[in-house]
C-alpha atoms as a PDB file:
ATOM      1  CA  MET A   1      87.541 114.873  83.038  1.00  0.00           C
ATOM      2  CA  TYR A   2      84.780 112.279  83.591  1.00  0.00           C
ATOM      3  CA  ASP A   3      81.121 113.295  83.851  1.00  0.00           C
ATOM      4  CA  ARG A   4      79.125 110.770  85.927  1.00  0.00           C
ATOM      5  CA  SER A   5      75.825 112.504  85.061  1.00  0.00           C
ATOM      6  CA  LEU A   6      75.586 110.422  81.887  1.00  0.00           C
ATOM      7  CA  ASP A   7      75.292 107.159  83.830  1.00  0.00           C
ATOM      8  CA  PRO A   8      71.596 106.125  83.962  1.00  0.00           C
ATOM      9  CA  GLU A   9      71.768 104.974  87.596  1.00  0.00           C
ATOM     10  CA  ASN A  10      72.767 108.435  88.908  1.00  0.00           C
ATOM     11  CA  GLY A  11      69.531 110.199  88.132  1.00  0.00           C
ATOM     12  CA  GLU A  12      70.019 113.958  88.536  1.00  0.00           C
ATOM     13  CA  GLN A  13      73.436 113.879  90.305  1.00  0.00           C
ATOM     14  CA  VAL A  14      76.398 115.418  88.535  1.00  0.00           C
ATOM     15  CA  TRP A  15      79.927 114.450  89.577  1.00  0.00           C
ATOM     16  CA  ARG A  16      82.965 115.811  87.847  1.00  0.00           C
ATOM     17  CA  VAL A  17      86.499 114.542  88.340  1.00  0.00           C
ATOM     18  CA  GLU A  18      89.530 116.771  87.988  1.00  0.00           C
ATOM     19  CA  LYS A  19      92.992 115.319  87.570  1.00  0.00           C
ATOM     20  CA  SER A  20      95.687 116.922  89.715  1.00  0.00           C
ATOM     21  CA  GLY A  21      99.167 115.452  89.267  1.00  0.00           C
ATOM     22  CA  THR A  22      98.799 111.680  89.528  1.00  0.00           C
ATOM     23  CA  GLU A  23      95.664 111.631  91.696  1.00  0.00           C
ATOM     24  CA  GLN A  24      92.077 112.377  90.731  1.00  0.00           C
ATOM     25  CA  TYR A  25      89.655 114.388  92.869  1.00  0.00           C
ATOM     26  CA  PHE A  26      85.883 114.944  92.840  1.00  0.00           C
ATOM     27  CA  GLU A  27      84.491 118.495  92.843  1.00  0.00           C
ATOM     28  CA  GLY A  28      84.253 118.588  96.659  1.00  0.00           C
ATOM     29  CA  GLY A  29      87.925 117.720  97.088  1.00  0.00           C
ATOM     30  CA  HIS A  30      87.365 114.021  97.870  1.00  0.00           C
ATOM     31  CA  LEU A  31      89.833 111.542  96.387  1.00  0.00           C
ATOM     32  CA  ALA A  32      88.440 109.467  93.487  1.00  0.00           C
ATOM     33  CA  LEU A  33      88.634 105.714  94.137  1.00  0.00           C
ATOM     34  CA  TYR A  34      88.833 104.434  90.569  1.00  0.00           C
ATOM     35  CA  SER A  35      91.344 104.563  87.768  1.00  0.00           C
ATOM     36  CA  GLY A  36      91.222 107.315  85.226  1.00  0.00           C
ATOM     37  CA  CYS A  37      88.835 107.087  82.284  1.00  0.00           C
ATOM     38  CA  ILE A  38      88.957 108.820  78.934  1.00  0.00           C
ATOM     39  CA  GLY A  39      85.889 110.634  77.690  1.00  0.00           C
ATOM     40  CA  ALA A  40      82.375 110.600  79.092  1.00  0.00           C
ATOM     41  CA  ARG A  41      80.222 108.283  76.995  1.00  0.00           C
ATOM     42  CA  GLY A  42      81.751 105.032  75.795  1.00  0.00           C
ATOM     43  CA  ALA A  43      84.755 105.689  77.991  1.00  0.00           C
ATOM     44  CA  SER A  44      87.635 103.327  77.715  1.00  0.00           C
ATOM     45  CA  VAL A  45      89.844 102.580  80.693  1.00  0.00           C
ATOM     46  CA  ARG A  46      93.541 103.230  80.194  1.00  0.00           C
ATOM     47  CA  SER A  47      95.633 100.111  80.548  1.00  0.00           C
ATOM     48  CA  ALA A  48      99.343  99.510  80.813  1.00  0.00           C
ATOM     49  CA  PRO A  49     101.217  98.192  77.780  1.00  0.00           C
ATOM     50  CA  LEU A  50     101.396  94.438  77.397  1.00  0.00           C
ATOM     51  CA  ALA A  51     105.165  94.305  78.003  1.00  0.00           C
ATOM     52  CA  SER A  52     104.944  95.967  81.438  1.00  0.00           C
ATOM     53  CA  GLY A  53     103.291  92.853  82.932  1.00  0.00           C
ATOM     54  CA  GLY A  54     106.306  90.734  82.039  1.00  0.00           C
ATOM     55  CA  ARG A  55     108.596  93.390  83.451  1.00  0.00           C
ATOM     56  CA  LYS A  56     106.742  93.331  86.760  1.00  0.00           C
ATOM     57  CA  VAL A  57     106.985  89.536  86.934  1.00  0.00           C
ATOM     58  CA  LEU A  58     110.727  89.665  86.262  1.00  0.00           C
ATOM     59  CA  LEU A  59     111.145  92.350  88.919  1.00  0.00           C
ATOM     60  CA  ASP A  60     109.233  90.270  91.468  1.00  0.00           C
ATOM     61  CA  LEU A  61     111.243  87.176  90.586  1.00  0.00           C
ATOM     62  CA  GLY A  62     114.466  89.169  90.862  1.00  0.00           C
ATOM     63  CA  LYS A  63     113.396  90.473  94.255  1.00  0.00           C
ATOM     64  CA  ALA A  64     112.746  86.954  95.539  1.00  0.00           C
ATOM     65  CA  VAL A  65     116.035  85.564  94.203  1.00  0.00           C
ATOM     66  CA  SER A  66     118.063  88.518  95.472  1.00  0.00           C
ATOM     67  CA  PHE A  67     116.458  88.327  98.919  1.00  0.00           C
ATOM     68  CA  ALA A  68     117.258  84.602  99.105  1.00  0.00           C
ATOM     69  CA  THR A  69     120.856  85.443  98.121  1.00  0.00           C
ATOM     70  CA  THR A  70     120.888  88.076 100.874  1.00  0.00           C
ATOM     71  CA  LEU A  71     119.880  85.505 103.459  1.00  0.00           C
ATOM     72  CA  LEU A  72     122.456  82.996 102.174  1.00  0.00           C
ATOM     73  CA  SER A  73     125.252  85.567 102.327  1.00  0.00           C
ATOM     74  CA  LEU A  74     124.284  86.419 105.912  1.00  0.00           C
ATOM     75  CA  CYS A  75     124.293  82.700 106.783  1.00  0.00           C
ATOM     76  CA  ALA A  76     127.800  82.402 105.289  1.00  0.00           C
ATOM     77  CA  LEU A  77     128.871  85.343 107.439  1.00  0.00           C
ATOM     78  CA  LEU A  78     127.413  83.674 110.523  1.00  0.00           C
ATOM     79  CA  ASP A  79     129.252  80.468 109.675  1.00  0.00           C
ATOM     80  CA  SER A  80     132.631  82.161 109.304  1.00  0.00           C
ATOM     81  CA  ALA A  81     132.176  84.187 112.486  1.00  0.00           C
ATOM     82  CA  PHE A  82     131.053  81.446 114.866  1.00  0.00           C
ATOM     83  CA  PHE A  83     131.284  77.921 113.479  1.00  0.00           C
ATOM     84  CA  VAL A  84     134.908  77.549 112.369  1.00  0.00           C
ATOM     85  CA  PRO A  85     136.521  75.068 114.779  1.00  0.00           C
ATOM     86  CA  ALA A  86     140.043  75.425 116.212  1.00  0.00           C
ATOM     87  CA  THR A  87     140.518  79.087 115.280  1.00  0.00           C
ATOM     88  CA  ARG A  88     141.226  82.096 117.435  1.00  0.00           C
ATOM     89  CA  TRP A  89     138.796  85.001 117.649  1.00  0.00           C
ATOM     90  CA  GLU A  90     141.241  87.305 115.848  1.00  0.00           C
ATOM     91  CA  ASP A  91     141.361  84.919 112.881  1.00  0.00           C
ATOM     92  CA  ARG A  92     137.567  84.671 112.813  1.00  0.00           C
ATOM     93  CA  LEU A  93     137.312  88.448 112.801  1.00  0.00           C
ATOM     94  CA  VAL A  94     139.671  88.773 109.836  1.00  0.00           C
ATOM     95  CA  ALA A  95     137.815  86.045 107.922  1.00  0.00           C
ATOM     96  CA  SER A  96     134.474  87.701 108.649  1.00  0.00           C
ATOM     97  CA  VAL A  97     135.415  91.186 107.431  1.00  0.00           C
ATOM     98  CA  ALA A  98     135.499  90.080 103.786  1.00  0.00           C
ATOM     99  CA  ARG A  99     132.160  88.319 104.164  1.00  0.00           C
ATOM    100  CA  ILE A 100     130.665  91.435 105.768  1.00  0.00           C
ATOM    101  CA  GLY A 101     131.644  93.402 102.659  1.00  0.00           C
ATOM    102  CA  PHE A 102     130.228  90.743 100.339  1.00  0.00           C
ATOM    103  CA  ALA A 103     126.970  90.491 102.316  1.00  0.00           C
ATOM    104  CA  GLY A 104     126.693  94.298 102.325  1.00  0.00           C
ATOM    105  CA  CYS A 105     127.034  94.448  98.539  1.00  0.00           C
ATOM    106  CA  VAL A 106     124.454  91.686  98.033  1.00  0.00           C
ATOM    107  CA  CYS A 107     122.022  93.386 100.438  1.00  0.00           C
ATOM    108  CA  LEU A 108     122.512  96.748  98.745  1.00  0.00           C
ATOM    109  CA  ILE A 109     121.823  95.305  95.286  1.00  0.00           C
ATOM    110  CA  SER A 110     118.751  93.509  96.607  1.00  0.00           C
ATOM    111  CA  GLY A 111     117.632  96.731  98.280  1.00  0.00           C
ATOM    112  CA  VAL A 112     117.917  98.558  94.951  1.00  0.00           C
ATOM    113  CA  LEU A 113     115.603  95.980  93.354  1.00  0.00           C
ATOM    114  CA  PHE A 114     113.127  96.438  96.197  1.00  0.00           C
ATOM    115  CA  HIS A 115     113.436 100.220  95.776  1.00  0.00           C
ATOM    116  CA  PHE A 116     112.640  99.973  92.036  1.00  0.00           C
ATOM    117  CA  SER A 117     109.336  98.265  92.781  1.00  0.00           C
ATOM    118  CA  GLN A 118     108.357 100.894  95.387  1.00  0.00           C
ATOM    119  CA  PRO A 119     110.164 104.181  94.615  1.00  0.00           C
ATOM    120  CA  GLN A 120     108.441 106.060  97.459  1.00  0.00           C
ATOM    121  CA  VAL A 121     110.298 103.882 100.018  1.00  0.00           C
ATOM    122  CA  PRO A 122     113.876 105.066 100.679  1.00  0.00           C
ATOM    123  CA  LEU A 123     116.674 102.592 100.016  1.00  0.00           C
ATOM    124  CA  THR A 124     117.582 102.421 103.694  1.00  0.00           C
ATOM    125  CA  ARG A 125     114.023 101.335 104.570  1.00  0.00           C
ATOM    126  CA  THR A 126     113.874  98.363 102.192  1.00  0.00           C
ATOM    127  CA  LEU A 127     113.702  94.877 103.680  1.00  0.00           C
ATOM    128  CA  PRO A 128     117.140  93.545 102.589  1.00  0.00           C
ATOM    129  CA  VAL A 129     118.987  96.603 103.901  1.00  0.00           C
ATOM    130  CA  ARG A 130     117.124  96.464 107.209  1.00  0.00           C
ATOM    131  CA  VAL A 131     117.809  92.719 107.546  1.00  0.00           C
ATOM    132  CA  PHE A 132     121.511  93.408 106.902  1.00  0.00           C
ATOM    133  CA  VAL A 133     121.685  96.170 109.517  1.00  0.00           C
ATOM    134  CA  TRP A 134     119.884  94.077 112.142  1.00  0.00           C
ATOM    135  CA  ALA A 135     121.969  90.981 111.356  1.00  0.00           C
ATOM    136  CA  ILE A 136     125.263  92.872 111.558  1.00  0.00           C
ATOM    137  CA  SER A 137     124.176  94.455 114.834  1.00  0.00           C
ATOM    138  CA  GLY A 138     123.216  91.100 116.324  1.00  0.00           C
ATOM    139  CA  TYR A 139     126.296  89.307 114.996  1.00  0.00           C
ATOM    140  CA  SER A 140     128.582  92.041 116.341  1.00  0.00           C
ATOM    141  CA  LEU A 141     126.999  91.874 119.764  1.00  0.00           C
ATOM    142  CA  LEU A 142     127.229  88.070 119.869  1.00  0.00           C
ATOM    143  CA  PHE A 143     130.806  88.147 118.547  1.00  0.00           C
ATOM    144  CA  ALA A 144     131.929  90.627 121.218  1.00  0.00           C
ATOM    145  CA  LEU A 145     130.127  88.635 123.914  1.00  0.00           C
ATOM    146  CA  GLY A 146     131.699  85.354 122.741  1.00  0.00           C
ATOM    147  CA  TRP A 147     135.176  86.876 122.614  1.00  0.00           C
ATOM    148  CA  TYR A 148     134.724  88.358 126.099  1.00  0.00           C
ATOM    149  CA  LEU A 149     133.490  85.062 127.565  1.00  0.00           C
ATOM    150  CA  ASP A 150     136.326  83.150 125.909  1.00  0.00           C
ATOM    151  CA  ALA A 151     138.969  85.572 127.162  1.00  0.00           C
ATOM    152  CA  TYR A 152     137.736  86.165 130.738  1.00  0.00           C
ATOM    153  CA  TYR A 153     135.303  83.449 131.757  1.00  0.00           C
ATOM    154  CA  MET A 154     136.669  80.268 130.164  1.00  0.00           C
ATOM    155  CA  PRO A 155     140.098  80.439 131.917  1.00  0.00           C
ATOM    156  CA  LEU A 156     138.248  80.500 135.243  1.00  0.00           C
ATOM    157  CA  PHE A 157     136.118  77.564 134.174  1.00  0.00           C
ATOM    158  CA  TRP A 158     139.036  75.409 132.993  1.00  0.00           C
ATOM    159  CA  ARG A 159     141.153  76.182 136.072  1.00  0.00           C
ATOM    160  CA  ASN A 160     138.545  74.784 138.477  1.00  0.00           C
ATOM    161  CA  LEU A 161     138.093  71.407 136.783  1.00  0.00           C
ATOM    162  CA  PRO A 162     139.388  68.349 138.683  1.00  0.00           C
ATOM    163  CA  HIS A 163     142.292  66.537 137.014  1.00  0.00           C
END
């Protein structure tokens, strides 16, 4: 509990803070906008241990590296699905299934790192998992469209060319 009446700039006002769970509230039920203090006079602010700063830096660095790996694995999937010359669509599909699994694992691991830094966000709402879902949706749509155009439109196109 912190008594603001001891501060010389307050004059006659008395404000008391009560701690409820992890948040602190003033007497009137308004949320306190400062970190918790210990004691009233000569209060010292609680600080995190020195090692937790290095842990946060490593977590942020891990998030950046894992997200870059996520993007690279999705680019490898895109390459195997669309940019392999002289292969049939069935062969591209088979080659892409393994890369879909690999990209899914990389995105899930990256999502777990993102979830550790913000535990209130569900795993399915983290950026790497959402990028994976949107990329797979877009790649699947483009793959089906490309296969359809190759199977039904290209024979019509090649038949009408002059010899």
